[in-house]
Amino acid sequence: MGFWGHFIFARSERPLLEVPVFDGLGQDQLAEVHTLWPRPGGWQTLQLDTDSWGENQLPALVECTGAPACTAWIYDSDMAHVYADTT
C-alpha cells in the first residue's frame, strides 16, 4: 500500500507550522506532519499523513502568508488531486 495524505507547498518567512492556519491540528495530527525540502525564496513543503487538512484551508493559508500555495492530496501513491490558490 502506498502513501495517502497531503503535501502542502507554500512560501512563508516563518516555518509553515507556525502559520495560524495549522493551529487547529491536534497533537496526534502534528505528530504525523513532516517538514520536507526547503527551497530558495522561502518555499516550504509539509507532508501530512492524515486527511485532516485540505483544499478548503488553502485560501486561509494564502491570506496568512501573502503568497501563493498549493496542496496535493495523494491517493495510494498513484494519483494526486492538486489545488492551488494565489493572492
PDB file of N, CA and C in Angstrom:
ATOM      1  N   MET A   1       0.846  -1.168   0.000  1.00  0.00           N
ATOM      2  CA  MET A   1       0.000   0.000   0.000  1.00  0.00           C
ATOM      3  C   MET A   1       0.895   1.236   0.000  1.00  0.00           C
ATOM      4  N   GLY A   2       0.536   2.242  -0.785  1.00  0.00           N
ATOM      5  CA  GLY A   2       1.337   3.451  -0.912  1.00  0.00           C
ATOM      6  C   GLY A   2       0.919   4.537   0.064  1.00  0.00           C
ATOM      7  N   PHE A   3       1.427   5.722  -0.193  1.00  0.00           N
ATOM      8  CA  PHE A   3       1.167   6.877   0.660  1.00  0.00           C
ATOM      9  C   PHE A   3      -0.214   7.457   0.396  1.00  0.00           C
ATOM     10  N   TRP A   4      -0.916   7.771   1.459  1.00  0.00           N
ATOM     11  CA  TRP A   4      -2.176   8.506   1.430  1.00  0.00           C
ATOM     12  C   TRP A   4      -1.990   9.728   2.330  1.00  0.00           C
ATOM     13  N   GLY A   5      -2.236  10.896   1.824  1.00  0.00           N
ATOM     14  CA  GLY A   5      -2.108  12.093   2.636  1.00  0.00           C
ATOM     15  C   GLY A   5      -1.935  13.332   1.777  1.00  0.00           C
ATOM     16  N   HIS A   6      -1.464  14.398   2.390  1.00  0.00           N
ATOM     17  CA  HIS A   6      -1.313  15.685   1.716  1.00  0.00           C
ATOM     18  C   HIS A   6       0.137  16.134   1.670  1.00  0.00           C
ATOM     19  N   PHE A   7       0.475  16.821   0.590  1.00  0.00           N
ATOM     20  CA  PHE A   7       1.653  17.647   0.518  1.00  0.00           C
ATOM     21  C   PHE A   7       1.154  19.077   0.407  1.00  0.00           C
ATOM     22  N   ILE A   8       1.745  19.978   1.175  1.00  0.00           N
ATOM     23  CA  ILE A   8       1.382  21.389   1.132  1.00  0.00           C
ATOM     24  C   ILE A   8       2.641  22.155   0.754  1.00  0.00           C
ATOM     25  N   PHE A   9       2.532  22.969  -0.293  1.00  0.00           N
ATOM     26  CA  PHE A   9       3.648  23.765  -0.781  1.00  0.00           C
ATOM     27  C   PHE A   9       3.275  25.231  -0.604  1.00  0.00           C
ATOM     28  N   ALA A  10       4.088  25.970   0.110  1.00  0.00           N
ATOM     29  CA  ALA A  10       3.779  27.377   0.351  1.00  0.00           C
ATOM     30  C   ALA A  10       5.064  28.147   0.615  1.00  0.00           C
ATOM     31  N   ARG A  11       4.959  29.452   0.468  1.00  0.00           N
ATOM     32  CA  ARG A  11       6.093  30.327   0.747  1.00  0.00           C
ATOM     33  C   ARG A  11       5.767  31.138   1.994  1.00  0.00           C
ATOM     34  N   SER A  12       6.708  31.158   2.924  1.00  0.00           N
ATOM     35  CA  SER A  12       6.489  31.882   4.173  1.00  0.00           C
ATOM     36  C   SER A  12       7.831  32.279   4.762  1.00  0.00           C
ATOM     37  N   GLU A  13       7.859  33.418   5.446  1.00  0.00           N
ATOM     38  CA  GLU A  13       9.073  33.860   6.115  1.00  0.00           C
ATOM     39  C   GLU A  13       9.316  33.097   7.415  1.00  0.00           C
ATOM     40  N   ARG A  14       8.287  32.462   7.949  1.00  0.00           N
ATOM     41  CA  ARG A  14       8.427  31.680   9.180  1.00  0.00           C
ATOM     42  C   ARG A  14       8.081  30.227   8.863  1.00  0.00           C
ATOM     43  N   PRO A  15       8.400  29.294   9.740  1.00  0.00           N
ATOM     44  CA  PRO A  15       8.034  27.896   9.493  1.00  0.00           C
ATOM     45  C   PRO A  15       6.528  27.760   9.276  1.00  0.00           C
ATOM     46  N   LEU A  16       6.139  26.953   8.306  1.00  0.00           N
ATOM     47  CA  LEU A  16       4.715  26.828   7.974  1.00  0.00           C
ATOM     48  C   LEU A  16       3.858  26.409   9.157  1.00  0.00           C
ATOM     49  N   LEU A  17       4.377  25.543  10.000  1.00  0.00           N
ATOM     50  CA  LEU A  17       3.565  25.093  11.126  1.00  0.00           C
ATOM     51  C   LEU A  17       3.289  26.206  12.133  1.00  0.00           C
ATOM     52  N   GLU A  18       3.991  27.335  12.023  1.00  0.00           N
ATOM     53  CA  GLU A  18       3.718  28.478  12.886  1.00  0.00           C
ATOM     54  C   GLU A  18       2.633  29.391  12.312  1.00  0.00           C
ATOM     55  N   VAL A  19       2.202  29.142  11.079  1.00  0.00           N
ATOM     56  CA  VAL A  19       1.130  29.925  10.472  1.00  0.00           C
ATOM     57  C   VAL A  19      -0.176  29.542  11.169  1.00  0.00           C
ATOM     58  N   PRO A  20      -1.010  30.513  11.558  1.00  0.00           N
ATOM     59  CA  PRO A  20      -2.229  30.222  12.326  1.00  0.00           C
ATOM     60  C   PRO A  20      -3.181  29.199  11.702  1.00  0.00           C
ATOM     61  N   VAL A  21      -3.104  28.998  10.402  1.00  0.00           N
ATOM     62  CA  VAL A  21      -3.983  28.021   9.738  1.00  0.00           C
ATOM     63  C   VAL A  21      -3.808  26.624  10.337  1.00  0.00           C
ATOM     64  N   PHE A  22      -2.618  26.329  10.833  1.00  0.00           N
ATOM     65  CA  PHE A  22      -2.339  24.993  11.367  1.00  0.00           C
ATOM     66  C   PHE A  22      -2.591  24.889  12.865  1.00  0.00           C
ATOM     67  N   ASP A  23      -3.057  25.956  13.502  1.00  0.00           N
ATOM     68  CA  ASP A  23      -3.328  25.938  14.939  1.00  0.00           C
ATOM     69  C   ASP A  23      -4.384  24.897  15.324  1.00  0.00           C
ATOM     70  N   GLY A  24      -5.281  24.555  14.410  1.00  0.00           N
ATOM     71  CA  GLY A  24      -6.348  23.615  14.708  1.00  0.00           C
ATOM     72  C   GLY A  24      -5.923  22.157  14.709  1.00  0.00           C
ATOM     73  N   LEU A  25      -4.689  21.877  14.305  1.00  0.00           N
ATOM     74  CA  LEU A  25      -4.228  20.492  14.312  1.00  0.00           C
ATOM     75  C   LEU A  25      -3.943  20.049  15.739  1.00  0.00           C
ATOM     76  N   GLY A  26      -4.450  18.898  16.107  1.00  0.00           N
ATOM     77  CA  GLY A  26      -4.206  18.337  17.431  1.00  0.00           C
ATOM     78  C   GLY A  26      -2.813  17.739  17.535  1.00  0.00           C
ATOM     79  N   GLN A  27      -2.422  17.362  18.737  1.00  0.00           N
ATOM     80  CA  GLN A  27      -1.100  16.787  18.967  1.00  0.00           C
ATOM     81  C   GLN A  27      -0.877  15.508  18.159  1.00  0.00           C
ATOM     82  N   ASP A  28      -1.908  14.670  18.052  1.00  0.00           N
ATOM     83  CA  ASP A  28      -1.780  13.439  17.260  1.00  0.00           C
ATOM     84  C   ASP A  28      -1.547  13.759  15.789  1.00  0.00           C
ATOM     85  N   GLN A  29      -2.257  14.767  15.281  1.00  0.00           N
ATOM     86  CA  GLN A  29      -2.100  15.165  13.881  1.00  0.00           C
ATOM     87  C   GLN A  29      -0.727  15.798  13.648  1.00  0.00           C
ATOM     88  N   LEU A  30      -0.286  16.642  14.581  1.00  0.00           N
ATOM     89  CA  LEU A  30       1.031  17.268  14.443  1.00  0.00           C
ATOM     90  C   LEU A  30       2.152  16.238  14.437  1.00  0.00           C
ATOM     91  N   ALA A  31       1.943  15.138  15.145  1.00  0.00           N
ATOM     92  CA  ALA A  31       2.944  14.073  15.169  1.00  0.00           C
ATOM     93  C   ALA A  31       3.105  13.427  13.800  1.00  0.00           C
ATOM     94  N   GLU A  32       2.096  13.571  12.945  1.00  0.00           N
ATOM     95  CA  GLU A  32       2.124  12.983  11.605  1.00  0.00           C
ATOM     96  C   GLU A  32       2.516  13.992  10.525  1.00  0.00           C
ATOM     97  N   VAL A  33       3.000  15.160  10.918  1.00  0.00           N
ATOM     98  CA  VAL A  33       3.432  16.185   9.968  1.00  0.00           C
ATOM     99  C   VAL A  33       4.945  16.122   9.835  1.00  0.00           C
ATOM    100  N   HIS A  34       5.425  16.138   8.597  1.00  0.00           N
ATOM    101  CA  HIS A  34       6.854  16.113   8.315  1.00  0.00           C
ATOM    102  C   HIS A  34       7.203  17.343   7.482  1.00  0.00           C
ATOM    103  N   THR A  35       8.231  18.051   7.889  1.00  0.00           N
ATOM    104  CA  THR A  35       8.718  19.195   7.122  1.00  0.00           C
ATOM    105  C   THR A  35       9.761  18.682   6.139  1.00  0.00           C
ATOM    106  N   LEU A  36       9.559  18.986   4.853  1.00  0.00           N
ATOM    107  CA  LEU A  36      10.416  18.456   3.797  1.00  0.00           C
ATOM    108  C   LEU A  36      10.973  19.567   2.919  1.00  0.00           C
ATOM    109  N   TRP A  37      12.015  19.280   2.231  1.00  0.00           N
ATOM    110  CA  TRP A  37      12.528  20.016   1.083  1.00  0.00           C
ATOM    111  C   TRP A  37      12.407  21.534   1.129  1.00  0.00           C
ATOM    112  N   PRO A  38      13.124  22.219   2.002  1.00  0.00           N
ATOM    113  CA  PRO A  38      13.098  23.682   1.928  1.00  0.00           C
ATOM    114  C   PRO A  38      13.708  24.124   0.603  1.00  0.00           C
ATOM    115  N   ARG A  39      13.143  25.152   0.020  1.00  0.00           N
ATOM    116  CA  ARG A  39      13.577  25.650  -1.282  1.00  0.00           C
ATOM    117  C   ARG A  39      13.978  27.123  -1.177  1.00  0.00           C
ATOM    118  N   PRO A  40      14.778  27.598  -2.114  1.00  0.00           N
ATOM    119  CA  PRO A  40      15.115  29.016  -2.125  1.00  0.00           C
ATOM    120  C   PRO A  40      13.865  29.887  -2.218  1.00  0.00           C
ATOM    121  N   GLY A  41      13.960  31.084  -1.684  1.00  0.00           N
ATOM    122  CA  GLY A  41      12.846  32.024  -1.761  1.00  0.00           C
ATOM    123  C   GLY A  41      11.782  31.812  -0.705  1.00  0.00           C
ATOM    124  N   GLY A  42      12.070  30.985   0.304  1.00  0.00           N
ATOM    125  CA  GLY A  42      11.109  30.765   1.376  1.00  0.00           C
ATOM    126  C   GLY A  42      10.073  29.692   1.105  1.00  0.00           C
ATOM    127  N   TRP A  43      10.192  28.955   0.004  1.00  0.00           N
ATOM    128  CA  TRP A  43       9.240  27.881  -0.293  1.00  0.00           C
ATOM    129  C   TRP A  43       9.472  26.703   0.638  1.00  0.00           C
ATOM    130  N   GLN A  44       8.384  26.163   1.159  1.00  0.00           N
ATOM    131  CA  GLN A  44       8.447  25.059   2.107  1.00  0.00           C
ATOM    132  C   GLN A  44       7.436  23.978   1.720  1.00  0.00           C
ATOM    133  N   THR A  45       7.708  22.768   2.185  1.00  0.00           N
ATOM    134  CA  THR A  45       6.820  21.633   1.927  1.00  0.00           C
ATOM    135  C   THR A  45       6.516  20.934   3.238  1.00  0.00           C
ATOM    136  N   LEU A  46       5.240  20.668   3.445  1.00  0.00           N
ATOM    137  CA  LEU A  46       4.804  19.842   4.575  1.00  0.00           C
ATOM    138  C   LEU A  46       4.171  18.572   4.032  1.00  0.00           C
ATOM    139  N   GLN A  47       4.425  17.473   4.682  1.00  0.00           N
ATOM    140  CA  GLN A  47       3.756  16.210   4.381  1.00  0.00           C
ATOM    141  C   GLN A  47       2.888  15.861   5.569  1.00  0.00           C
ATOM    142  N   LEU A  48       1.587  15.727   5.322  1.00  0.00           N
ATOM    143  CA  LEU A  48       0.648  15.354   6.377  1.00  0.00           C
ATOM    144  C   LEU A  48       0.148  13.957   6.083  1.00  0.00           C
ATOM    145  N   ASP A  49       0.377  13.046   7.006  1.00  0.00           N
ATOM    146  CA  ASP A  49      -0.025  11.662   6.819  1.00  0.00           C
ATOM    147  C   ASP A  49      -1.480  11.430   7.213  1.00  0.00           C
ATOM    148  N   THR A  50      -2.255  12.493   7.245  1.00  0.00           N
ATOM    149  CA  THR A  50      -3.661  12.374   7.611  1.00  0.00           C
ATOM    150  C   THR A  50      -4.513  13.105   6.578  1.00  0.00           C
ATOM    151  N   ASP A  51      -5.801  12.961   6.701  1.00  0.00           N
ATOM    152  CA  ASP A  51      -6.717  13.706   5.828  1.00  0.00           C
ATOM    153  C   ASP A  51      -7.341  14.882   6.584  1.00  0.00           C
ATOM    154  N   SER A  52      -6.622  15.386   7.588  1.00  0.00           N
ATOM    155  CA  SER A  52      -7.161  16.436   8.453  1.00  0.00           C
ATOM    156  C   SER A  52      -6.960  17.835   7.894  1.00  0.00           C
ATOM    157  N   TRP A  53      -6.379  17.953   6.734  1.00  0.00           N
ATOM    158  CA  TRP A  53      -6.147  19.253   6.116  1.00  0.00           C
ATOM    159  C   TRP A  53      -6.488  19.115   4.649  1.00  0.00           C
ATOM    160  N   GLY A  54      -7.082  20.141   4.076  1.00  0.00           N
ATOM    161  CA  GLY A  54      -7.464  20.014   2.685  1.00  0.00           C
ATOM    162  C   GLY A  54      -7.550  21.333   1.955  1.00  0.00           C
ATOM    163  N   GLU A  55      -8.055  21.240   0.757  1.00  0.00           N
ATOM    164  CA  GLU A  55      -8.111  22.405  -0.117  1.00  0.00           C
ATOM    165  C   GLU A  55      -8.965  23.537   0.440  1.00  0.00           C
ATOM    166  N   ASN A  56      -9.893  23.250   1.329  1.00  0.00           N
ATOM    167  CA  ASN A  56     -10.726  24.301   1.911  1.00  0.00           C
ATOM    168  C   ASN A  56      -9.918  25.263   2.786  1.00  0.00           C
ATOM    169  N   GLN A  57      -8.816  24.808   3.345  1.00  0.00           N
ATOM    170  CA  GLN A  57      -7.978  25.662   4.180  1.00  0.00           C
ATOM    171  C   GLN A  57      -6.947  26.452   3.373  1.00  0.00           C
ATOM    172  N   LEU A  58      -6.794  26.127   2.092  1.00  0.00           N
ATOM    173  CA  LEU A  58      -5.764  26.759   1.287  1.00  0.00           C
ATOM    174  C   LEU A  58      -5.942  28.275   1.164  1.00  0.00           C
ATOM    175  N   PRO A  59      -7.146  28.807   0.921  1.00  0.00           N
ATOM    176  CA  PRO A  59      -7.288  30.273   0.860  1.00  0.00           C
ATOM    177  C   PRO A  59      -6.842  30.967   2.150  1.00  0.00           C
ATOM    178  N   ALA A  60      -7.092  30.365   3.297  1.00  0.00           N
ATOM    179  CA  ALA A  60      -6.650  30.959   4.560  1.00  0.00           C
ATOM    180  C   ALA A  60      -5.125  30.937   4.666  1.00  0.00           C
ATOM    181  N   LEU A  61      -4.490  29.886   4.171  1.00  0.00           N
ATOM    182  CA  LEU A  61      -3.035  29.817   4.170  1.00  0.00           C
ATOM    183  C   LEU A  61      -2.455  30.923   3.294  1.00  0.00           C
ATOM    184  N   VAL A  62      -3.034  31.113   2.120  1.00  0.00           N
ATOM    185  CA  VAL A  62      -2.583  32.175   1.210  1.00  0.00           C
ATOM    186  C   VAL A  62      -2.764  33.546   1.861  1.00  0.00           C
ATOM    187  N   GLU A  63      -3.880  33.741   2.529  1.00  0.00           N
ATOM    188  CA  GLU A  63      -4.125  35.019   3.190  1.00  0.00           C
ATOM    189  C   GLU A  63      -3.108  35.267   4.311  1.00  0.00           C
ATOM    190  N   CYS A  64      -2.808  34.249   5.091  1.00  0.00           N
ATOM    191  CA  CYS A  64      -1.869  34.407   6.211  1.00  0.00           C
ATOM    192  C   CYS A  64      -0.438  34.660   5.746  1.00  0.00           C
ATOM    193  N   THR A  65      -0.033  34.003   4.663  1.00  0.00           N
ATOM    194  CA  THR A  65       1.352  34.126   4.193  1.00  0.00           C
ATOM    195  C   THR A  65       1.523  35.237   3.172  1.00  0.00           C
ATOM    196  N   GLY A  66       0.440  35.635   2.516  1.00  0.00           N
ATOM    197  CA  GLY A  66       0.537  36.643   1.466  1.00  0.00           C
ATOM    198  C   GLY A  66       1.230  36.131   0.223  1.00  0.00           C
ATOM    199  N   ALA A  67       1.242  34.811   0.037  1.00  0.00           N
ATOM    200  CA  ALA A  67       1.950  34.195  -1.083  1.00  0.00           C
ATOM    201  C   ALA A  67       1.137  33.038  -1.658  1.00  0.00           C
ATOM    202  N   PRO A  68       1.392  32.666  -2.912  1.00  0.00           N
ATOM    203  CA  PRO A  68       0.710  31.511  -3.498  1.00  0.00           C
ATOM    204  C   PRO A  68       1.010  30.232  -2.721  1.00  0.00           C
ATOM    205  N   ALA A  69       0.116  29.259  -2.850  1.00  0.00           N
ATOM    206  CA  ALA A  69       0.309  27.962  -2.207  1.00  0.00           C
ATOM    207  C   ALA A  69      -0.478  26.909  -2.976  1.00  0.00           C
ATOM    208  N   CYS A  70      -0.106  25.663  -2.779  1.00  0.00           N
ATOM    209  CA  CYS A  70      -0.904  24.575  -3.354  1.00  0.00           C
ATOM    210  C   CYS A  70      -0.853  23.380  -2.424  1.00  0.00           C
ATOM    211  N   THR A  71      -1.824  22.521  -2.600  1.00  0.00           N
ATOM    212  CA  THR A  71      -1.884  21.286  -1.839  1.00  0.00           C
ATOM    213  C   THR A  71      -2.140  20.139  -2.809  1.00  0.00           C
ATOM    214  N   ALA A  72      -1.585  19.003  -2.509  1.00  0.00           N
ATOM    215  CA  ALA A  72      -1.800  17.806  -3.315  1.00  0.00           C
ATOM    216  C   ALA A  72      -2.263  16.693  -2.383  1.00  0.00           C
ATOM    217  N   TRP A  73      -3.457  16.179  -2.628  1.00  0.00           N
ATOM    218  CA  TRP A  73      -3.967  15.023  -1.892  1.00  0.00           C
ATOM    219  C   TRP A  73      -3.534  13.801  -2.669  1.00  0.00           C
ATOM    220  N   ILE A  74      -2.703  12.967  -2.073  1.00  0.00           N
ATOM    221  CA  ILE A  74      -2.122  11.808  -2.739  1.00  0.00           C
ATOM    222  C   ILE A  74      -2.961  10.575  -2.413  1.00  0.00           C
ATOM    223  N   TYR A  75      -3.324   9.845  -3.459  1.00  0.00           N
ATOM    224  CA  TYR A  75      -4.117   8.627  -3.330  1.00  0.00           C
ATOM    225  C   TYR A  75      -3.238   7.408  -3.562  1.00  0.00           C
ATOM    226  N   ASP A  76      -2.883   6.718  -2.519  1.00  0.00           N
ATOM    227  CA  ASP A  76      -2.163   5.454  -2.613  1.00  0.00           C
ATOM    228  C   ASP A  76      -0.902   5.559  -3.479  1.00  0.00           C
ATOM    229  N   SER A  77      -0.239   6.703  -3.435  1.00  0.00           N
ATOM    230  CA  SER A  77       0.981   6.983  -4.206  1.00  0.00           C
ATOM    231  C   SER A  77       0.778   6.905  -5.715  1.00  0.00           C
ATOM    232  N   ASP A  78      -0.460   6.763  -6.185  1.00  0.00           N
ATOM    233  CA  ASP A  78      -0.719   6.591  -7.608  1.00  0.00           C
ATOM    234  C   ASP A  78      -1.306   7.821  -8.285  1.00  0.00           C
ATOM    235  N   MET A  79      -1.963   8.658  -7.539  1.00  0.00           N
ATOM    236  CA  MET A  79      -2.659   9.778  -8.151  1.00  0.00           C
ATOM    237  C   MET A  79      -2.666  10.943  -7.160  1.00  0.00           C
ATOM    238  N   ALA A  80      -2.696  12.159  -7.703  1.00  0.00           N
ATOM    239  CA  ALA A  80      -2.739  13.336  -6.849  1.00  0.00           C
ATOM    240  C   ALA A  80      -3.822  14.292  -7.340  1.00  0.00           C
ATOM    241  N   HIS A  81      -4.609  14.806  -6.415  1.00  0.00           N
ATOM    242  CA  HIS A  81      -5.558  15.871  -6.704  1.00  0.00           C
ATOM    243  C   HIS A  81      -4.895  17.152  -6.220  1.00  0.00           C
ATOM    244  N   VAL A  82      -4.563  18.043  -7.144  1.00  0.00           N
ATOM    245  CA  VAL A  82      -3.812  19.250  -6.823  1.00  0.00           C
ATOM    246  C   VAL A  82      -4.731  20.452  -6.893  1.00  0.00           C
ATOM    247  N   TYR A  83      -4.638  21.305  -5.889  1.00  0.00           N
ATOM    248  CA  TYR A  83      -5.431  22.524  -5.808  1.00  0.00           C
ATOM    249  C   TYR A  83      -4.465  23.641  -5.452  1.00  0.00           C
ATOM    250  N   ALA A  84      -4.569  24.776  -6.154  1.00  0.00           N
ATOM    251  CA  ALA A  84      -3.684  25.907  -5.887  1.00  0.00           C
ATOM    252  C   ALA A  84      -4.489  27.179  -5.727  1.00  0.00           C
ATOM    253  N   ASP A  85      -3.887  28.150  -5.055  1.00  0.00           N
ATOM    254  CA  ASP A  85      -4.526  29.447  -4.848  1.00  0.00           C
ATOM    255  C   ASP A  85      -3.432  30.509  -4.807  1.00  0.00           C
ATOM    256  N   THR A  86      -3.795  31.726  -5.103  1.00  0.00           N
ATOM    257  CA  THR A  86      -2.857  32.827  -5.075  1.00  0.00           C
ATOM    258  C   THR A  86      -3.529  34.055  -4.490  1.00  0.00           C
ATOM    259  N   THR A  87      -2.726  35.064  -4.196  1.00  0.00           N
ATOM    260  CA  THR A  87      -3.264  36.282  -3.616  1.00  0.00           C
ATOM    261  C   THR A  87      -4.069  37.053  -4.642  1.00  0.00           C
TER     262      THR A  87
END
